[in-house]
PDB file of N, CA and C in Angstrom:
ATOM      1  N   MET A   1      50.991   6.489  -3.363  1.00  0.00           N
ATOM      2  CA  MET A   1      50.370   5.270  -3.889  1.00  0.00           C
ATOM      3  C   MET A   1      49.450   4.630  -2.852  1.00  0.00           C
ATOM      4  N   SER A   2      49.959   4.478  -1.632  1.00  0.00           N
ATOM      5  CA  SER A   2      49.137   3.846  -0.595  1.00  0.00           C
ATOM      6  C   SER A   2      47.971   4.749  -0.207  1.00  0.00           C
ATOM      7  N   GLN A   3      48.138   6.065  -0.330  1.00  0.00           N
ATOM      8  CA  GLN A   3      47.037   6.977  -0.025  1.00  0.00           C
ATOM      9  C   GLN A   3      45.894   6.771  -1.012  1.00  0.00           C
ATOM     10  N   LYS A   4      46.237   6.595  -2.281  1.00  0.00           N
ATOM     11  CA  LYS A   4      45.200   6.353  -3.287  1.00  0.00           C
ATOM     12  C   LYS A   4      44.464   5.058  -2.997  1.00  0.00           C
ATOM     13  N   LEU A   5      45.228   4.023  -2.611  1.00  0.00           N
ATOM     14  CA  LEU A   5      44.594   2.742  -2.288  1.00  0.00           C
ATOM     15  C   LEU A   5      43.668   2.887  -1.086  1.00  0.00           C
ATOM     16  N   ASP A   6      44.117   3.642  -0.076  1.00  0.00           N
ATOM     17  CA  ASP A   6      43.277   3.863   1.103  1.00  0.00           C
ATOM     18  C   ASP A   6      41.995   4.602   0.725  1.00  0.00           C
ATOM     19  N   GLU A   7      42.122   5.611  -0.139  1.00  0.00           N
ATOM     20  CA  GLU A   7      40.944   6.357  -0.570  1.00  0.00           C
ATOM     21  C   GLU A   7      39.979   5.455  -1.332  1.00  0.00           C
ATOM     22  N   ILE A   8      40.521   4.624  -2.208  1.00  0.00           N
ATOM     23  CA  ILE A   8      39.676   3.709  -2.983  1.00  0.00           C
ATOM     24  C   ILE A   8      38.984   2.719  -2.054  1.00  0.00           C
ATOM     25  N   ASN A   9      39.717   2.196  -1.060  1.00  0.00           N
ATOM     26  CA  ASN A   9      39.119   1.268  -0.102  1.00  0.00           C
ATOM     27  C   ASN A   9      37.986   1.929   0.671  1.00  0.00           C
ATOM     28  N   LYS A  10      38.197   3.186   1.095  1.00  0.00           N
ATOM     29  CA  LYS A  10      37.153   3.904   1.831  1.00  0.00           C
ATOM     30  C   LYS A  10      35.918   4.084   0.955  1.00  0.00           C
ATOM     31  N   GLU A  11      36.126   4.459  -0.303  1.00  0.00           N
ATOM     32  CA  GLU A  11      34.994   4.647  -1.212  1.00  0.00           C
ATOM     33  C   GLU A  11      34.218   3.345  -1.399  1.00  0.00           C
ATOM     34  N   ILE A  12      34.950   2.247  -1.562  1.00  0.00           N
ATOM     35  CA  ILE A  12      34.289   0.953  -1.764  1.00  0.00           C
ATOM     36  C   ILE A  12      33.490   0.568  -0.522  1.00  0.00           C
ATOM     37  N   GLU A  13      34.079   0.784   0.668  1.00  0.00           N
ATOM     38  CA  GLU A  13      33.365   0.465   1.909  1.00  0.00           C
ATOM     39  C   GLU A  13      32.090   1.289   2.030  1.00  0.00           C
ATOM     40  N   GLU A  14      32.172   2.585   1.698  1.00  0.00           N
ATOM     41  CA  GLU A  14      30.992   3.445   1.775  1.00  0.00           C
ATOM     42  C   GLU A  14      29.908   2.974   0.804  1.00  0.00           C
ATOM     43  N   GLU A  15      30.318   2.601  -0.406  1.00  0.00           N
ATOM     44  CA  GLU A  15      29.343   2.128  -1.392  1.00  0.00           C
ATOM     45  C   GLU A  15      28.686   0.829  -0.937  1.00  0.00           C
ATOM     46  N   LEU A  16      29.485  -0.076  -0.340  1.00  0.00           N
ATOM     47  CA  LEU A  16      28.917  -1.335   0.156  1.00  0.00           C
ATOM     48  C   LEU A  16      27.918  -1.077   1.275  1.00  0.00           C
ATOM     49  N   LEU A  17      28.270  -0.185   2.207  1.00  0.00           N
ATOM     50  CA  LEU A  17      27.351   0.142   3.297  1.00  0.00           C
ATOM     51  C   LEU A  17      26.062   0.742   2.741  1.00  0.00           C
ATOM     52  N   GLN A  18      26.203   1.636   1.758  1.00  0.00           N
ATOM     53  CA  GLN A  18      25.027   2.271   1.166  1.00  0.00           C
ATOM     54  C   GLN A  18      24.139   1.244   0.479  1.00  0.00           C
ATOM     55  N   SER A  19      24.741   0.301  -0.244  1.00  0.00           N
ATOM     56  CA  SER A  19      23.937  -0.700  -0.948  1.00  0.00           C
ATOM     57  C   SER A  19      23.247  -1.629   0.044  1.00  0.00           C
ATOM     58  N   LYS A  20      23.918  -1.952   1.159  1.00  0.00           N
ATOM     59  CA  LYS A  20      23.275  -2.782   2.184  1.00  0.00           C
ATOM     60  C   LYS A  20      22.084  -2.059   2.787  1.00  0.00           C
ATOM     61  N   GLN A  21      22.233  -0.756   3.060  1.00  0.00           N
ATOM     62  CA  GLN A  21      21.127   0.017   3.621  1.00  0.00           C
ATOM     63  C   GLN A  21      19.966   0.082   2.633  1.00  0.00           C
ATOM     64  N   ASP A  22      20.268   0.248   1.345  1.00  0.00           N
ATOM     65  CA  ASP A  22      19.218   0.282   0.327  1.00  0.00           C
ATOM     66  C   ASP A  22      18.467  -1.040   0.283  1.00  0.00           C
ATOM     67  N   GLU A  23      19.203  -2.160   0.360  1.00  0.00           N
ATOM     68  CA  GLU A  23      18.553  -3.473   0.342  1.00  0.00           C
ATOM     69  C   GLU A  23      17.663  -3.650   1.560  1.00  0.00           C
ATOM     70  N   ASN A  24      18.129  -3.208   2.732  1.00  0.00           N
ATOM     71  CA  ASN A  24      17.320  -3.315   3.945  1.00  0.00           C
ATOM     72  C   ASN A  24      16.048  -2.490   3.821  1.00  0.00           C
ATOM     73  N   ASN A  25      16.153  -1.287   3.255  1.00  0.00           N
ATOM     74  CA  ASN A  25      14.972  -0.445   3.083  1.00  0.00           C
ATOM     75  C   ASN A  25      13.981  -1.098   2.130  1.00  0.00           C
ATOM     76  N   GLU A  26      14.479  -1.704   1.044  1.00  0.00           N
ATOM     77  CA  GLU A  26      13.592  -2.372   0.094  1.00  0.00           C
ATOM     78  C   GLU A  26      12.900  -3.556   0.750  1.00  0.00           C
ATOM     79  N   ASN A  27      13.636  -4.335   1.552  1.00  0.00           N
ATOM     80  CA  ASN A  27      13.037  -5.487   2.222  1.00  0.00           C
ATOM     81  C   ASN A  27      11.952  -5.044   3.191  1.00  0.00           C
ATOM     82  N   ASN A  28      12.195  -3.965   3.937  1.00  0.00           N
ATOM     83  CA  ASN A  28      11.199  -3.491   4.894  1.00  0.00           C
ATOM     84  C   ASN A  28       9.945  -3.001   4.179  1.00  0.00           C
ATOM     85  N   SER A  29      10.116  -2.286   3.066  1.00  0.00           N
ATOM     86  CA  SER A  29       8.939  -1.794   2.354  1.00  0.00           C
ATOM     87  C   SER A  29       8.160  -2.953   1.736  1.00  0.00           C
ATOM     88  N   ASN A  30       8.863  -3.992   1.279  1.00  0.00           N
ATOM     89  CA  ASN A  30       8.166  -5.152   0.730  1.00  0.00           C
ATOM     90  C   ASN A  30       7.355  -5.854   1.804  1.00  0.00           C
ATOM     91  N   LYS A  31       7.886  -5.948   3.013  1.00  0.00           N
ATOM     92  CA  LYS A  31       7.159  -6.601   4.103  1.00  0.00           C
ATOM     93  C   LYS A  31       5.886  -5.836   4.424  1.00  0.00           C
ATOM     94  N   SER A  32       5.958  -4.506   4.488  1.00  0.00           N
ATOM     95  CA  SER A  32       4.770  -3.727   4.821  1.00  0.00           C
ATOM     96  C   SER A  32       3.749  -3.811   3.686  1.00  0.00           C
ATOM     97  N   ASN A  33       4.216  -3.893   2.432  1.00  0.00           N
ATOM     98  CA  ASN A  33       3.289  -4.042   1.314  1.00  0.00           C
ATOM     99  C   ASN A  33       2.595  -5.392   1.349  1.00  0.00           C
ATOM    100  N   MET A  34       3.287  -6.433   1.818  1.00  0.00           N
ATOM    101  CA  MET A  34       2.672  -7.757   1.891  1.00  0.00           C
ATOM    102  C   MET A  34       1.603  -7.803   2.977  1.00  0.00           C
ATOM    103  N   ASN A  35       1.735  -6.986   4.025  1.00  0.00           N
ATOM    104  CA  ASN A  35       0.790  -7.023   5.128  1.00  0.00           C
ATOM    105  C   ASN A  35      -0.494  -6.260   4.818  1.00  0.00           C
ATOM    106  N   LYS A  36      -0.486  -5.369   3.826  1.00  0.00           N
ATOM    107  CA  LYS A  36      -1.681  -4.581   3.532  1.00  0.00           C
ATOM    108  C   LYS A  36      -2.857  -5.445   3.078  1.00  0.00           C
ATOM    109  N   PRO A  37      -2.700  -6.333   2.096  1.00  0.00           N
ATOM    110  CA  PRO A  37      -3.851  -7.155   1.688  1.00  0.00           C
ATOM    111  C   PRO A  37      -4.347  -8.034   2.825  1.00  0.00           C
ATOM    112  N   ARG A  38      -3.437  -8.529   3.644  1.00  0.00           N
ATOM    113  CA  ARG A  38      -3.823  -9.366   4.780  1.00  0.00           C
ATOM    114  C   ARG A  38      -4.655  -8.552   5.769  1.00  0.00           C
ATOM    115  N   ALA A  39      -4.265  -7.306   6.022  1.00  0.00           N
ATOM    116  CA  ALA A  39      -4.997  -6.452   6.952  1.00  0.00           C
ATOM    117  C   ALA A  39      -6.376  -6.111   6.395  1.00  0.00           C
ATOM    118  N   ILE A  40      -6.454  -5.828   5.098  1.00  0.00           N
ATOM    119  CA  ILE A  40      -7.749  -5.515   4.481  1.00  0.00           C
ATOM    120  C   ILE A  40      -8.666  -6.727   4.566  1.00  0.00           C
ATOM    121  N   PHE A  41      -8.137  -7.908   4.274  1.00  0.00           N
ATOM    122  CA  PHE A  41      -8.928  -9.137   4.345  1.00  0.00           C
ATOM    123  C   PHE A  41      -9.426  -9.366   5.768  1.00  0.00           C
ATOM    124  N   LEU A  42      -8.567  -9.149   6.749  1.00  0.00           N
ATOM    125  CA  LEU A  42      -8.958  -9.334   8.147  1.00  0.00           C
ATOM    126  C   LEU A  42     -10.061  -8.358   8.531  1.00  0.00           C
ATOM    127  N   CYS A  43      -9.957  -7.116   8.094  1.00  0.00           N
ATOM    128  CA  CYS A  43     -11.001  -6.124   8.387  1.00  0.00           C
ATOM    129  C   CYS A  43     -12.329  -6.538   7.764  1.00  0.00           C
ATOM    130  N   LEU A  44     -12.298  -7.035   6.522  1.00  0.00           N
ATOM    131  CA  LEU A  44     -13.533  -7.476   5.875  1.00  0.00           C
ATOM    132  C   LEU A  44     -14.168  -8.630   6.635  1.00  0.00           C
ATOM    133  N   VAL A  45     -13.354  -9.597   7.060  1.00  0.00           N
ATOM    134  CA  VAL A  45     -13.880 -10.750   7.792  1.00  0.00           C
ATOM    135  C   VAL A  45     -14.498 -10.296   9.107  1.00  0.00           C
ATOM    136  N   LEU A  46     -13.823  -9.399   9.822  1.00  0.00           N
ATOM    137  CA  LEU A  46     -14.364  -8.910  11.092  1.00  0.00           C
ATOM    138  C   LEU A  46     -15.654  -8.126  10.873  1.00  0.00           C
ATOM    139  N   LEU A  47     -15.718  -7.347   9.800  1.00  0.00           N
ATOM    140  CA  LEU A  47     -16.930  -6.587   9.498  1.00  0.00           C
ATOM    141  C   LEU A  47     -18.091  -7.520   9.190  1.00  0.00           C
ATOM    142  N   MET A  48     -17.837  -8.565   8.408  1.00  0.00           N
ATOM    143  CA  MET A  48     -18.895  -9.537   8.099  1.00  0.00           C
ATOM    144  C   MET A  48     -19.363 -10.225   9.381  1.00  0.00           C
ATOM    145  N   GLY A  49     -18.421 -10.576  10.257  1.00  0.00           N
ATOM    146  CA  GLY A  49     -18.787 -11.202  11.526  1.00  0.00           C
ATOM    147  C   GLY A  49     -19.621 -10.273  12.379  1.00  0.00           C
ATOM    148  N   LEU A  50     -19.269  -9.008  12.418  1.00  0.00           N
ATOM    149  CA  LEU A  50     -20.028  -8.031  13.205  1.00  0.00           C
ATOM    150  C   LEU A  50     -21.437  -7.871  12.650  1.00  0.00           C
ATOM    151  N   ILE A  51     -21.570  -7.800  11.328  1.00  0.00           N
ATOM    152  CA  ILE A  51     -22.894  -7.660  10.711  1.00  0.00           C
ATOM    153  C   ILE A  51     -23.755  -8.878  11.019  1.00  0.00           C
ATOM    154  N   SER A  52     -23.186 -10.070  10.899  1.00  0.00           N
ATOM    155  CA  SER A  52     -23.982 -11.273  11.185  1.00  0.00           C
ATOM    156  C   SER A  52     -24.331 -11.346  12.672  1.00  0.00           C
ATOM    157  N   PHE A  53     -23.457 -10.861  13.540  1.00  0.00           N
ATOM    158  CA  PHE A  53     -23.743 -10.846  14.977  1.00  0.00           C
ATOM    159  C   PHE A  53     -24.889  -9.888  15.283  1.00  0.00           C
ATOM    160  N   ILE A  54     -24.913  -8.729  14.620  1.00  0.00           N
ATOM    161  CA  ILE A  54     -25.996  -7.758  14.829  1.00  0.00           C
ATOM    162  C   ILE A  54     -27.314  -8.324  14.311  1.00  0.00           C
ATOM    163  N   ARG A  55     -27.265  -9.053  13.185  1.00  0.00           N
ATOM    164  CA  ARG A  55     -28.489  -9.631  12.619  1.00  0.00           C
ATOM    165  C   ARG A  55     -29.125 -10.646  13.570  1.00  0.00           C
ATOM    166  N   LEU A  56     -28.331 -11.307  14.396  1.00  0.00           N
ATOM    167  CA  LEU A  56     -28.879 -12.286  15.339  1.00  0.00           C
ATOM    168  C   LEU A  56     -29.860 -11.625  16.304  1.00  0.00           C
ATOM    169  N   PHE A  57     -29.598 -10.397  16.696  1.00  0.00           N
ATOM    170  CA  PHE A  57     -30.423  -9.732  17.708  1.00  0.00           C
ATOM    171  C   PHE A  57     -31.542  -8.901  17.102  1.00  0.00           C
ATOM    172  N   MET A  58     -31.659  -8.854  15.780  1.00  0.00           N
ATOM    173  CA  MET A  58     -32.741  -8.070  15.161  1.00  0.00           C
ATOM    174  C   MET A  58     -33.974  -8.932  14.953  1.00  0.00           C
TER     175      MET A  58
END
């Protein structure tokens, strides 16, 4: 009886650890997805600044 309970406890612990790892992976991927539009916007702003800087010397 106690062996079955121990096995069930181990299974539950493993499932909890797995679900925590899955949540962490989802959070990390969401963070990187949020940074993509910001990076693209920053690149566009820097490109516009570079073009206007080059136009000053033409």
